[in-house]
């Protein structure tokens, strides 16, 4: 009998303790509400996205350059709406691959790109290439931002 009671009590206590550890929506980073109940919008400085995208098919090829703005999507980028959507989906799109990161040695090609400007009000100066699996994954995640590659010359 004691064994059966212990068998049900311990998991029940574990569930109760874990449920009490759950926080409120405010603690999870939900947008704060104004007194009227409307959701507060981010300040303009927090949402500014103004980027210059420079893509080369190889180190010796001529570069293709686009400008991209978001909120609203614009610039001379070939598909600014898709590019802004890709940026919104990526958690940290301009973070470089850590130096100690182990990557597969999958060569994706000689293409390279540089993205400079401002994203969500923060300065950006990011370089992209396709020289290994990690860099290839970064490139693929931002494929709509980097656009179609110019032909190799």
N, C-alpha and C. Protein backbone atom coordinates (compact mmCIF):
# COMPACT_ATOMS: atom_id res chain seq x y z
N UNK A 1 0.82 -1.19 0.00
CA UNK A 1 0.00 0.00 0.00
C UNK A 1 0.86 1.25 0.00
N UNK A 2 1.91 1.26 0.84
CA UNK A 2 2.78 2.43 0.88
C UNK A 2 3.49 2.64 -0.46
N UNK A 3 3.88 1.55 -1.08
CA UNK A 3 4.56 1.65 -2.36
C UNK A 3 3.66 2.30 -3.40
N UNK A 4 2.38 1.88 -3.43
CA UNK A 4 1.42 2.42 -4.38
C UNK A 4 1.20 3.92 -4.10
N UNK A 5 1.11 4.31 -2.85
CA UNK A 5 0.92 5.71 -2.49
C UNK A 5 2.14 6.53 -2.93
N UNK A 6 3.32 6.01 -2.72
CA UNK A 6 4.55 6.68 -3.12
C UNK A 6 4.61 6.77 -4.65
N UNK A 7 4.14 5.72 -5.31
CA UNK A 7 4.16 5.67 -6.77
C UNK A 7 3.32 6.80 -7.38
N UNK A 8 2.20 7.17 -6.76
CA UNK A 8 1.34 8.23 -7.29
C UNK A 8 1.67 9.60 -6.70
N UNK A 9 2.20 9.66 -5.51
CA UNK A 9 2.46 10.94 -4.85
C UNK A 9 3.65 11.67 -5.46
N UNK A 10 4.75 10.98 -5.71
CA UNK A 10 5.96 11.64 -6.23
C UNK A 10 5.71 12.28 -7.59
N UNK A 11 5.13 11.59 -8.58
CA UNK A 11 4.86 12.25 -9.86
C UNK A 11 3.86 13.39 -9.72
N UNK A 12 2.89 13.23 -8.85
CA UNK A 12 1.91 14.30 -8.63
C UNK A 12 2.55 15.55 -8.07
N UNK A 13 3.47 15.39 -7.12
CA UNK A 13 4.19 16.54 -6.57
C UNK A 13 5.07 17.18 -7.62
N UNK A 14 5.70 16.38 -8.46
CA UNK A 14 6.56 16.93 -9.51
C UNK A 14 5.75 17.79 -10.47
N UNK A 15 4.57 17.34 -10.85
CA UNK A 15 3.70 18.12 -11.73
C UNK A 15 3.27 19.41 -11.05
N UNK A 16 2.89 19.33 -9.79
CA UNK A 16 2.44 20.51 -9.06
C UNK A 16 3.56 21.55 -8.96
N UNK A 17 4.77 21.10 -8.67
CA UNK A 17 5.90 22.03 -8.56
C UNK A 17 6.21 22.66 -9.91
N UNK A 18 6.17 21.88 -10.98
CA UNK A 18 6.49 22.44 -12.30
C UNK A 18 5.42 23.43 -12.75
N UNK A 19 4.16 23.19 -12.41
CA UNK A 19 3.10 24.11 -12.78
C UNK A 19 3.20 25.43 -12.02
N UNK A 20 3.64 25.39 -10.78
CA UNK A 20 3.76 26.63 -10.03
C UNK A 20 4.94 27.46 -10.52
N UNK A 21 5.88 26.84 -11.24
CA UNK A 21 7.04 27.57 -11.76
C UNK A 21 6.70 28.33 -13.04
N UNK A 22 5.54 28.08 -13.63
CA UNK A 22 5.17 28.78 -14.86
C UNK A 22 4.92 30.24 -14.54
N UNK A 23 5.43 31.13 -15.45
CA UNK A 23 5.30 32.57 -15.23
C UNK A 23 4.08 33.14 -15.92
N UNK A 24 3.89 34.40 -15.74
CA UNK A 24 2.79 35.10 -16.39
C UNK A 24 3.20 35.46 -17.81
N UNK A 25 2.25 35.97 -18.61
CA UNK A 25 2.56 36.37 -19.97
C UNK A 25 3.56 37.52 -19.97
N UNK A 26 3.50 38.41 -19.01
CA UNK A 26 4.43 39.53 -18.93
C UNK A 26 5.85 39.00 -18.76
N UNK A 27 6.04 37.97 -17.99
CA UNK A 27 7.37 37.43 -17.76
C UNK A 27 7.90 36.74 -19.01
N UNK A 28 7.03 36.29 -19.90
CA UNK A 28 7.45 35.62 -21.12
C UNK A 28 7.74 36.61 -22.24
N UNK A 29 7.69 37.88 -21.97
CA UNK A 29 8.02 38.86 -22.97
C UNK A 29 6.86 39.26 -23.86
N UNK A 30 5.63 39.07 -23.41
CA UNK A 30 4.49 39.51 -24.19
C UNK A 30 4.48 41.03 -24.23
N UNK A 31 3.96 41.61 -25.32
CA UNK A 31 3.94 43.06 -25.40
C UNK A 31 3.15 43.67 -24.25
N UNK A 32 3.64 44.78 -23.74
CA UNK A 32 2.93 45.44 -22.67
C UNK A 32 1.68 46.11 -23.22
N UNK A 33 0.69 46.24 -22.39
CA UNK A 33 -0.56 46.86 -22.83
C UNK A 33 -0.69 48.24 -22.22
N UNK A 34 -1.25 49.13 -23.01
CA UNK A 34 -1.52 50.47 -22.51
C UNK A 34 -2.77 50.40 -21.65
N UNK A 35 -3.09 51.45 -20.87
CA UNK A 35 -4.27 51.41 -20.02
C UNK A 35 -5.56 51.11 -20.78
N UNK A 36 -5.64 51.47 -22.06
CA UNK A 36 -6.86 51.21 -22.81
C UNK A 36 -6.97 49.76 -23.26
N UNK A 37 -5.88 48.98 -23.08
CA UNK A 37 -5.88 47.59 -23.48
C UNK A 37 -5.23 47.35 -24.83
N UNK A 38 -4.85 48.42 -25.53
CA UNK A 38 -4.19 48.27 -26.83
C UNK A 38 -2.75 47.83 -26.62
N UNK A 39 -2.23 47.09 -27.57
CA UNK A 39 -0.84 46.64 -27.48
C UNK A 39 0.07 47.78 -27.90
N UNK A 40 1.09 48.05 -27.10
CA UNK A 40 2.03 49.12 -27.41
C UNK A 40 2.91 48.70 -28.58
N UNK A 41 3.12 49.59 -29.54
CA UNK A 41 3.97 49.28 -30.69
C UNK A 41 5.40 49.67 -30.40
N UNK A 42 6.35 49.00 -31.06
CA UNK A 42 7.75 49.33 -30.82
C UNK A 42 8.06 50.72 -31.34
N UNK A 43 9.04 51.35 -30.75
CA UNK A 43 9.42 52.68 -31.20
C UNK A 43 10.02 52.59 -32.58
N UNK A 44 9.96 53.66 -33.38
CA UNK A 44 10.49 53.61 -34.73
C UNK A 44 11.96 53.20 -34.78
N UNK A 45 12.76 53.60 -33.81
CA UNK A 45 14.18 53.25 -33.80
C UNK A 45 14.38 51.74 -33.65
N UNK A 46 13.46 51.05 -32.97
CA UNK A 46 13.59 49.60 -32.77
C UNK A 46 13.23 48.81 -34.03
N UNK A 47 12.44 49.37 -34.93
CA UNK A 47 11.96 48.60 -36.06
C UNK A 47 12.60 49.02 -37.39
N UNK A 48 13.58 49.92 -37.37
CA UNK A 48 14.19 50.39 -38.61
C UNK A 48 15.01 49.27 -39.25
N UNK A 49 14.69 48.96 -40.49
CA UNK A 49 15.47 48.02 -41.29
C UNK A 49 15.78 48.69 -42.61
N UNK A 50 17.05 48.99 -42.82
CA UNK A 50 17.52 49.65 -44.03
C UNK A 50 18.86 49.02 -44.38
N UNK A 51 18.84 48.09 -45.34
CA UNK A 51 20.02 47.27 -45.64
C UNK A 51 20.48 47.47 -47.07
N UNK A 52 21.78 47.27 -47.27
CA UNK A 52 22.37 47.19 -48.60
C UNK A 52 22.92 45.78 -48.75
N UNK A 53 22.49 45.09 -49.79
CA UNK A 53 22.88 43.70 -50.03
C UNK A 53 23.78 43.69 -51.27
N UNK A 54 24.98 43.16 -51.11
CA UNK A 54 25.96 43.09 -52.19
C UNK A 54 26.29 41.63 -52.40
N UNK A 55 26.01 41.09 -53.61
CA UNK A 55 26.19 39.66 -53.89
C UNK A 55 27.11 39.50 -55.10
N UNK A 56 28.06 38.56 -54.98
CA UNK A 56 28.95 38.23 -56.09
C UNK A 56 28.89 36.73 -56.35
N UNK A 57 28.92 36.35 -57.63
CA UNK A 57 28.92 34.94 -57.99
C UNK A 57 30.27 34.30 -57.68
N UNK A 58 31.34 35.10 -57.67
CA UNK A 58 32.67 34.65 -57.28
C UNK A 58 33.47 35.89 -56.88
N UNK A 59 34.66 35.66 -56.35
CA UNK A 59 35.48 36.79 -55.90
C UNK A 59 35.87 37.72 -57.04
N UNK A 60 35.92 37.21 -58.26
CA UNK A 60 36.32 38.03 -59.41
C UNK A 60 35.14 38.51 -60.24
N UNK A 61 33.93 38.12 -59.91
CA UNK A 61 32.73 38.52 -60.65
C UNK A 61 32.27 39.90 -60.23
N UNK A 62 31.59 40.61 -61.12
CA UNK A 62 31.03 41.89 -60.72
C UNK A 62 29.92 41.70 -59.70
N UNK A 63 29.77 42.63 -58.80
CA UNK A 63 28.77 42.54 -57.73
C UNK A 63 27.42 43.06 -58.20
N UNK A 64 26.40 42.48 -57.65
CA UNK A 64 25.03 42.98 -57.83
C UNK A 64 24.62 43.55 -56.48
N UNK A 65 24.11 44.76 -56.46
CA UNK A 65 23.78 45.44 -55.20
C UNK A 65 22.32 45.85 -55.19
N UNK A 66 21.66 45.58 -54.05
CA UNK A 66 20.28 45.98 -53.83
C UNK A 66 20.16 46.73 -52.52
N UNK A 67 19.12 47.53 -52.42
CA UNK A 67 18.75 48.12 -51.13
C UNK A 67 17.45 47.45 -50.69
N UNK A 68 17.29 47.34 -49.38
CA UNK A 68 16.10 46.69 -48.82
C UNK A 68 15.66 47.44 -47.58
N UNK A 69 14.40 47.78 -47.53
CA UNK A 69 13.80 48.33 -46.31
C UNK A 69 12.61 47.45 -45.94
N UNK A 70 12.32 47.39 -44.66
CA UNK A 70 11.17 46.61 -44.19
C UNK A 70 10.28 47.51 -43.33
N UNK A 71 9.02 47.13 -43.23
CA UNK A 71 8.00 47.86 -42.45
C UNK A 71 7.82 49.29 -42.93
N UNK A 72 7.39 49.50 -44.15
CA UNK A 72 6.95 48.57 -45.18
C UNK A 72 8.12 48.07 -46.02
N UNK A 73 7.88 46.94 -46.70
CA UNK A 73 8.91 46.35 -47.56
C UNK A 73 9.12 47.23 -48.77
N UNK A 74 10.40 47.49 -49.08
CA UNK A 74 10.70 48.35 -50.23
C UNK A 74 12.17 48.30 -50.59
N UNK A 75 12.59 49.28 -51.36
CA UNK A 75 13.94 49.33 -51.88
C UNK A 75 13.95 48.78 -53.30
N UNK A 76 15.14 48.66 -53.89
CA UNK A 76 15.21 48.13 -55.24
C UNK A 76 15.52 46.63 -55.26
N UNK A 77 15.35 45.97 -54.12
CA UNK A 77 15.51 44.51 -54.03
C UNK A 77 14.49 43.86 -54.94
N UNK A 78 14.85 42.75 -55.63
CA UNK A 78 13.90 42.10 -56.55
C UNK A 78 12.61 41.61 -55.90
N UNK A 79 12.66 41.20 -54.63
CA UNK A 79 11.45 40.72 -53.95
C UNK A 79 11.51 41.15 -52.48
N UNK A 80 11.25 42.42 -52.20
CA UNK A 80 11.41 42.91 -50.83
C UNK A 80 10.47 42.26 -49.82
N UNK A 81 9.26 41.88 -50.22
CA UNK A 81 8.33 41.25 -49.28
C UNK A 81 8.87 39.90 -48.80
N UNK A 82 9.37 39.08 -49.72
CA UNK A 82 9.93 37.78 -49.34
C UNK A 82 11.19 37.96 -48.51
N UNK A 83 12.01 38.94 -48.85
CA UNK A 83 13.24 39.20 -48.10
C UNK A 83 12.92 39.62 -46.67
N UNK A 84 11.97 40.51 -46.49
CA UNK A 84 11.59 40.95 -45.15
C UNK A 84 10.97 39.81 -44.34
N UNK A 85 10.19 38.95 -45.02
CA UNK A 85 9.61 37.79 -44.33
C UNK A 85 10.70 36.83 -43.87
N UNK A 86 11.74 36.62 -44.69
CA UNK A 86 12.85 35.75 -44.30
C UNK A 86 13.60 36.33 -43.11
N UNK A 87 13.79 37.65 -43.09
CA UNK A 87 14.46 38.29 -41.96
C UNK A 87 13.63 38.17 -40.69
N UNK A 88 12.31 38.29 -40.82
CA UNK A 88 11.43 38.19 -39.65
C UNK A 88 11.43 36.77 -39.09
N UNK A 89 11.60 35.78 -39.96
CA UNK A 89 11.57 34.38 -39.53
C UNK A 89 12.88 33.95 -38.86
N UNK A 90 13.98 34.53 -39.28
CA UNK A 90 15.29 34.13 -38.75
C UNK A 90 15.52 34.76 -37.38
N UNK A 91 15.89 33.97 -36.37
CA UNK A 91 16.07 34.52 -35.02
C UNK A 91 17.25 35.49 -34.91
N UNK A 92 18.38 35.15 -35.50
CA UNK A 92 19.57 36.02 -35.49
C UNK A 92 20.24 35.90 -36.85
N UNK A 93 19.69 36.56 -37.87
CA UNK A 93 20.14 36.31 -39.23
C UNK A 93 21.57 36.75 -39.54
N UNK A 94 22.11 37.68 -38.78
CA UNK A 94 23.43 38.22 -39.12
C UNK A 94 24.54 37.79 -38.17
N UNK A 95 24.24 36.84 -37.30
CA UNK A 95 25.25 36.31 -36.39
C UNK A 95 26.19 35.39 -37.15
N UNK A 96 27.51 35.65 -37.09
CA UNK A 96 28.43 34.78 -37.82
C UNK A 96 28.54 33.40 -37.17
N UNK A 97 29.06 32.46 -37.93
CA UNK A 97 29.31 31.12 -37.41
C UNK A 97 30.45 31.22 -36.39
N UNK A 98 30.28 30.66 -35.19
CA UNK A 98 31.36 30.71 -34.19
C UNK A 98 32.63 30.05 -34.72
N UNK A 99 33.77 30.61 -34.34
CA UNK A 99 35.07 30.09 -34.82
C UNK A 99 35.28 28.63 -34.46
N UNK A 100 34.78 28.19 -33.28
CA UNK A 100 34.99 26.81 -32.85
C UNK A 100 33.86 25.87 -33.28
N UNK A 101 32.95 26.33 -34.11
CA UNK A 101 31.84 25.52 -34.60
C UNK A 101 32.35 24.45 -35.56
N UNK A 102 31.96 23.22 -35.35
CA UNK A 102 32.31 22.15 -36.28
C UNK A 102 31.28 22.14 -37.40
N UNK A 103 31.76 22.18 -38.62
CA UNK A 103 30.88 22.25 -39.78
C UNK A 103 31.22 21.15 -40.77
N UNK A 104 30.21 20.68 -41.47
CA UNK A 104 30.47 19.69 -42.51
C UNK A 104 31.23 20.37 -43.65
N UNK A 105 32.06 19.65 -44.29
CA UNK A 105 32.85 20.20 -45.39
C UNK A 105 32.11 20.02 -46.71
N UNK A 106 30.96 20.65 -46.79
CA UNK A 106 30.14 20.63 -48.00
C UNK A 106 30.35 21.98 -48.68
N UNK A 107 30.92 21.96 -49.86
CA UNK A 107 31.18 23.19 -50.60
C UNK A 107 29.96 23.53 -51.43
N UNK A 108 29.43 24.72 -51.23
CA UNK A 108 28.23 25.14 -51.94
C UNK A 108 28.50 26.03 -53.13
N UNK A 109 29.74 26.48 -53.30
CA UNK A 109 30.08 27.33 -54.43
C UNK A 109 30.88 28.55 -54.01
N UNK A 110 31.35 29.33 -55.00
CA UNK A 110 32.21 30.47 -54.72
C UNK A 110 31.46 31.76 -54.37
N UNK A 111 30.15 31.70 -54.33
CA UNK A 111 29.35 32.90 -54.09
C UNK A 111 29.70 33.54 -52.75
N UNK A 112 29.61 34.86 -52.70
CA UNK A 112 29.82 35.58 -51.46
C UNK A 112 28.90 36.79 -51.44
N UNK A 113 28.58 37.24 -50.24
CA UNK A 113 27.68 38.39 -50.08
C UNK A 113 28.06 39.18 -48.84
N UNK A 114 27.72 40.45 -48.88
CA UNK A 114 27.90 41.33 -47.73
C UNK A 114 26.59 42.07 -47.52
N UNK A 115 26.14 42.13 -46.28
CA UNK A 115 24.93 42.87 -45.93
C UNK A 115 25.33 43.92 -44.90
N UNK A 116 25.06 45.18 -45.21
CA UNK A 116 25.38 46.28 -44.30
C UNK A 116 24.15 47.14 -44.11
N UNK A 117 24.16 47.91 -43.05
CA UNK A 117 23.06 48.83 -42.78
C UNK A 117 22.51 48.68 -41.38
N UNK A 118 21.19 48.70 -41.28
CA UNK A 118 20.50 48.64 -39.99
C UNK A 118 19.39 47.61 -40.06
N UNK A 119 19.33 46.74 -39.04
CA UNK A 119 18.25 45.75 -38.90
C UNK A 119 17.67 45.89 -37.52
N UNK A 120 16.36 46.16 -37.44
CA UNK A 120 15.67 46.37 -36.17
C UNK A 120 16.39 47.43 -35.33
N UNK A 121 16.91 48.45 -35.99
CA UNK A 121 17.57 49.54 -35.30
C UNK A 121 19.00 49.26 -34.89
N UNK A 122 19.52 48.08 -35.21
CA UNK A 122 20.89 47.71 -34.82
C UNK A 122 21.79 47.67 -36.05
N UNK A 123 23.05 48.11 -35.92
CA UNK A 123 23.94 48.10 -37.07
C UNK A 123 24.27 46.68 -37.54
N UNK A 124 24.41 46.53 -38.85
CA UNK A 124 24.71 45.24 -39.45
C UNK A 124 25.91 45.39 -40.38
N UNK A 125 26.84 44.47 -40.28
CA UNK A 125 27.94 44.35 -41.22
C UNK A 125 28.29 42.86 -41.27
N UNK A 126 27.57 42.11 -42.10
CA UNK A 126 27.68 40.65 -42.12
C UNK A 126 28.19 40.17 -43.47
N UNK A 127 29.02 39.15 -43.41
CA UNK A 127 29.55 38.53 -44.63
C UNK A 127 29.01 37.10 -44.72
N UNK A 128 28.70 36.69 -45.94
CA UNK A 128 28.16 35.35 -46.19
C UNK A 128 28.97 34.69 -47.30
N UNK A 129 29.09 33.37 -47.22
CA UNK A 129 29.70 32.58 -48.29
C UNK A 129 29.08 31.20 -48.25
N UNK A 130 29.55 30.31 -49.12
CA UNK A 130 28.98 28.96 -49.21
C UNK A 130 30.08 27.93 -49.14
N UNK A 131 31.11 28.20 -48.32
CA UNK A 131 32.31 27.37 -48.29
C UNK A 131 32.21 26.12 -47.44
N UNK A 132 31.22 26.01 -46.54
CA UNK A 132 31.05 24.80 -45.73
C UNK A 132 29.58 24.67 -45.33
N UNK A 133 29.24 23.62 -44.63
CA UNK A 133 27.85 23.36 -44.27
C UNK A 133 27.22 24.43 -43.41
N UNK A 134 27.98 24.99 -42.47
CA UNK A 134 27.44 26.04 -41.59
C UNK A 134 27.15 27.31 -42.38
N UNK A 135 28.11 27.72 -43.21
CA UNK A 135 27.92 28.93 -44.02
C UNK A 135 26.81 28.72 -45.05
N UNK A 136 26.74 27.51 -45.58
CA UNK A 136 25.69 27.19 -46.55
C UNK A 136 24.31 27.28 -45.90
N UNK A 137 24.20 26.84 -44.65
CA UNK A 137 22.92 26.93 -43.92
C UNK A 137 22.54 28.40 -43.67
N UNK A 138 23.51 29.23 -43.32
CA UNK A 138 23.24 30.67 -43.14
C UNK A 138 22.74 31.27 -44.44
N UNK A 139 23.41 30.94 -45.54
CA UNK A 139 23.04 31.48 -46.85
C UNK A 139 21.62 31.04 -47.21
N UNK A 140 21.34 29.76 -47.01
CA UNK A 140 20.03 29.22 -47.36
C UNK A 140 18.92 29.89 -46.56
N UNK A 141 19.16 30.13 -45.27
CA UNK A 141 18.15 30.78 -44.44
C UNK A 141 17.83 32.18 -44.93
N UNK A 142 18.81 32.85 -45.52
CA UNK A 142 18.60 34.21 -46.01
C UNK A 142 18.56 34.28 -47.54
N UNK A 143 18.31 33.15 -48.17
CA UNK A 143 18.27 33.10 -49.63
C UNK A 143 17.35 34.18 -50.23
N UNK A 144 16.15 34.41 -49.68
CA UNK A 144 15.31 35.47 -50.24
C UNK A 144 15.93 36.87 -50.09
N UNK A 145 16.75 37.07 -49.07
CA UNK A 145 17.41 38.37 -48.87
C UNK A 145 18.55 38.52 -49.87
N UNK A 146 19.33 37.45 -50.03
CA UNK A 146 20.50 37.51 -50.90
C UNK A 146 20.14 37.48 -52.37
N UNK A 147 18.93 37.05 -52.69
CA UNK A 147 18.42 37.12 -54.06
C UNK A 147 19.08 36.14 -55.01
N UNK A 148 18.68 36.25 -56.28
CA UNK A 148 19.26 35.38 -57.32
C UNK A 148 20.67 35.83 -57.58
N UNK A 149 21.52 34.85 -57.77
CA UNK A 149 22.94 35.14 -57.98
C UNK A 149 23.20 35.61 -59.41
N UNK A 150 24.10 36.58 -59.54
CA UNK A 150 24.50 36.96 -60.90
C UNK A 150 25.30 35.82 -61.53
N UNK A 151 25.37 35.75 -62.85
CA UNK A 151 26.11 34.65 -63.49
C UNK A 151 27.60 34.73 -63.19
N UNK A 152 28.25 33.56 -63.13
CA UNK A 152 29.67 33.49 -62.90
C UNK A 152 30.40 33.92 -64.16
N UNK A 153 31.43 34.75 -64.00
CA UNK A 153 32.21 35.21 -65.17
C UNK A 153 33.65 34.88 -64.96
